[in-house]
Amino acid sequence: MFSFFKRDTPQPDQQQQQQQQQPKPAQPQESEIKLINPQTKYKLLFGGLTFFAFSFWMTRRALNKRYLASIPPFYTSSLYHKPKVNGGADAFEALNLATLNVLSLGMAGTGGVMCALDVNGIEDMRAFVRKGFYGDGGGLSEADEELERSVEEWVGNVLGEKFGVELKREKELSRKD
């Protein structure tokens, strides 16, 4: 009688047949992954510059608002002009604006340094530091490798198993290259 209320749910056999008929997505090749991966140094630089422009605009707007509030109306003497002032709110706004400006400038500066040094990640930074310590042809000694392993184990214990798995995968990829 009420057949239009019934749902046509596929049986388990039909679901398996439908899943087998659907093509499986192909695994991306390593070269495709490298092309898709955006450069971290440029993201930091342009993001920091955009954030700095936004914080600069907000600071200018807040200062302009304070200046306009301090000007008395046209037919009012400056002796009788009492602008509304809230010391706590003004201090909080100033702290927020200063924090935004410092963080955005730091973000842009970090991106600029990364661009100047051509560093895009942890491995690039390690290579840059090792090049500075050991020169072009130098490598790590056994003591340095042992120290690096112990630090990685400690960080893995602190940050958890997920970090350890990611670190091992990263090392395997660097060994293949």
Protein backbone atom coordinates (compact mmCIF):
# COMPACT_ATOMS: atom_id res chain seq x y z
CA MET A 1 0.00 0.00 0.00
CA PHE A 2 2.69 2.52 1.00
CA SER A 3 5.42 1.26 -1.27
CA PHE A 4 6.69 4.75 -2.03
CA PHE A 5 7.83 5.04 1.62
CA LYS A 6 10.05 2.00 1.32
CA ARG A 7 13.63 2.59 0.41
CA ASP A 8 15.25 0.50 -2.20
CA THR A 9 18.31 -0.55 -0.28
CA PRO A 10 20.72 -2.73 -2.19
CA GLN A 11 21.44 -6.13 -0.79
CA PRO A 12 24.99 -6.95 0.39
CA ASP A 13 25.67 -8.89 -2.85
CA GLN A 14 24.68 -5.89 -4.94
CA GLN A 15 26.87 -3.57 -2.85
CA GLN A 16 29.91 -5.78 -3.41
CA GLN A 17 29.23 -5.92 -7.16
CA GLN A 18 28.91 -2.12 -7.30
CA GLN A 19 32.18 -1.66 -5.40
CA GLN A 20 33.99 -4.07 -7.74
CA GLN A 21 32.69 -2.24 -10.82
CA GLN A 22 33.91 1.17 -9.61
CA PRO A 23 37.48 1.94 -10.67
CA LYS A 24 39.91 2.44 -7.82
CA PRO A 25 41.77 5.76 -7.68
CA ALA A 26 45.35 5.55 -8.87
CA GLN A 27 48.13 6.23 -6.40
CA PRO A 28 49.92 9.52 -7.14
CA GLN A 29 53.50 9.26 -8.27
CA GLU A 30 56.28 10.96 -6.29
CA SER A 31 56.85 13.49 -9.07
CA GLU A 32 53.17 14.48 -8.93
CA ILE A 33 53.35 14.93 -5.18
CA LYS A 34 56.33 17.24 -5.47
CA LEU A 35 54.56 19.35 -8.09
CA ILE A 36 51.44 19.70 -5.94
CA ASN A 37 53.29 20.54 -2.71
CA PRO A 38 53.44 24.35 -2.38
CA GLN A 39 56.58 26.01 -1.11
CA THR A 40 56.41 26.71 2.63
CA LYS A 41 58.81 29.63 2.47
CA TYR A 42 56.62 31.51 -0.01
CA LYS A 43 53.48 30.77 1.98
CA LEU A 44 55.11 32.25 5.10
CA LEU A 45 56.46 35.27 3.27
CA PHE A 46 53.28 36.24 1.40
CA GLY A 47 51.02 35.25 4.28
CA GLY A 48 53.11 37.34 6.66
CA LEU A 49 53.11 40.33 4.32
CA THR A 50 49.33 40.08 3.88
CA PHE A 51 48.85 39.70 7.62
CA PHE A 52 51.15 42.68 8.24
CA ALA A 53 49.20 44.84 5.76
CA PHE A 54 45.96 43.86 7.49
CA SER A 55 47.34 44.62 10.98
CA PHE A 56 48.79 47.92 9.74
CA TRP A 57 45.38 48.87 8.34
CA MET A 58 43.69 47.96 11.65
CA THR A 59 46.20 50.03 13.65
CA ARG A 60 45.76 53.03 11.40
CA ARG A 61 41.98 52.73 11.65
CA ALA A 62 42.10 52.56 15.47
CA LEU A 63 44.40 55.58 15.72
CA ASN A 64 42.21 57.56 13.34
CA LYS A 65 39.15 56.69 15.42
CA ARG A 66 40.88 57.95 18.58
CA TYR A 67 41.97 61.15 16.85
CA LEU A 68 38.47 61.90 15.56
CA ALA A 69 37.02 61.27 19.03
CA SER A 70 39.41 63.82 20.54
CA ILE A 71 38.25 66.66 18.24
CA PRO A 72 35.40 68.64 19.82
CA PRO A 73 32.18 69.25 17.86
CA PHE A 74 31.97 72.46 15.81
CA TYR A 75 30.13 74.73 18.26
CA THR A 76 31.71 73.32 21.41
CA SER A 77 34.60 74.84 23.29
CA SER A 78 37.53 72.58 23.93
CA LEU A 79 37.13 73.22 27.66
CA TYR A 80 33.74 71.55 27.70
CA HIS A 81 34.58 68.65 25.41
CA LYS A 82 34.83 65.42 27.39
CA PRO A 83 35.43 62.43 25.09
CA LYS A 84 34.38 59.04 26.40
CA VAL A 85 37.46 57.17 27.60
CA ASN A 86 37.74 53.64 28.96
CA GLY A 87 41.29 53.00 30.10
CA GLY A 88 41.01 49.21 30.35
CA ALA A 89 39.42 48.79 26.91
CA ASP A 90 41.94 51.17 25.32
CA ALA A 91 44.85 49.30 26.89
CA PHE A 92 43.44 45.96 25.77
CA GLU A 93 43.00 47.23 22.21
CA ALA A 94 46.56 48.62 22.18
CA LEU A 95 47.93 45.28 23.42
CA ASN A 96 46.00 43.38 20.74
CA LEU A 97 47.21 45.71 17.98
CA ALA A 98 50.82 45.53 19.15
CA THR A 99 50.65 41.73 19.32
CA LEU A 100 49.17 41.52 15.81
CA ASN A 101 51.86 43.82 14.41
CA VAL A 102 54.73 41.92 16.03
CA LEU A 103 53.45 38.48 15.03
CA SER A 104 52.77 39.50 11.44
CA LEU A 105 56.17 41.15 11.09
CA GLY A 106 57.83 38.06 12.59
CA MET A 107 55.95 35.80 10.19
CA ALA A 108 56.99 37.90 7.20
CA GLY A 109 60.58 38.05 8.49
CA THR A 110 60.72 34.26 8.91
CA GLY A 111 59.43 33.79 5.38
CA GLY A 112 61.97 36.31 4.07
CA VAL A 113 64.87 34.54 5.80
CA MET A 114 63.64 31.18 4.49
CA CYS A 115 63.52 32.60 0.96
CA ALA A 116 66.98 34.13 1.29
CA LEU A 117 68.51 30.87 2.58
CA ASP A 118 66.45 28.71 0.18
CA VAL A 119 65.09 26.62 3.05
CA ASN A 120 61.72 24.95 2.51
CA GLY A 121 61.51 22.48 5.38
CA ILE A 122 63.27 20.63 8.16
CA GLU A 123 65.48 18.61 5.81
CA ASP A 124 66.63 21.74 3.98
CA MET A 125 67.42 23.42 7.30
CA ARG A 126 69.39 20.36 8.47
CA ALA A 127 71.35 20.36 5.23
CA PHE A 128 72.04 24.10 5.59
CA VAL A 129 73.26 23.71 9.19
CA ARG A 130 75.38 20.65 8.37
CA LYS A 131 76.92 22.50 5.45
CA GLY A 132 77.84 25.31 7.84
CA PHE A 133 79.35 22.95 10.41
CA TYR A 134 81.08 20.41 8.21
CA GLY A 135 81.62 22.21 4.92
CA ASP A 136 80.54 20.86 1.53
CA GLY A 137 81.97 17.35 1.80
CA GLY A 138 81.61 16.76 5.54
CA GLY A 139 79.24 14.31 7.12
CA LEU A 140 78.01 13.32 10.52
CA SER A 141 80.22 11.42 12.90
CA GLU A 142 78.94 8.40 14.83
CA ALA A 143 78.53 10.48 17.99
CA ASP A 144 76.41 13.00 16.09
CA GLU A 145 74.25 10.26 14.60
CA GLU A 146 73.77 8.70 18.05
CA LEU A 147 72.84 12.08 19.49
CA GLU A 148 70.37 12.68 16.66
CA ARG A 149 68.77 9.25 17.22
CA SER A 150 68.41 9.87 20.96
CA VAL A 151 66.82 13.28 20.37
CA GLU A 152 64.42 11.77 17.82
CA GLU A 153 63.45 9.03 20.30
CA TRP A 154 62.87 11.59 23.03
CA VAL A 155 60.75 13.82 20.77
CA GLY A 156 58.85 10.74 19.59
CA ASN A 157 58.08 9.81 23.20
CA VAL A 158 56.95 13.34 24.02
CA LEU A 159 54.85 13.95 20.92
CA GLY A 160 53.49 10.45 20.55
CA GLU A 161 53.50 7.57 18.11
CA LYS A 162 52.09 9.54 15.17
CA PHE A 163 55.15 11.77 15.12
CA GLY A 164 57.44 8.73 15.27
CA VAL A 165 55.69 7.12 12.31
CA GLU A 166 55.93 10.33 10.28
CA LEU A 167 59.62 10.69 11.18
CA LYS A 168 60.40 7.12 10.09
CA ARG A 169 58.52 7.63 6.82
CA GLU A 170 60.44 10.85 6.19
CA LYS A 171 63.77 9.10 6.81
CA GLU A 172 62.87 6.27 4.43
CA LEU A 173 61.97 8.78 1.72
CA SER A 174 65.27 10.64 2.23
CA ARG A 175 67.23 7.36 2.00
CA LYS A 176 65.53 6.48 -1.29
CA ASP A 177 66.55 9.82 -2.80
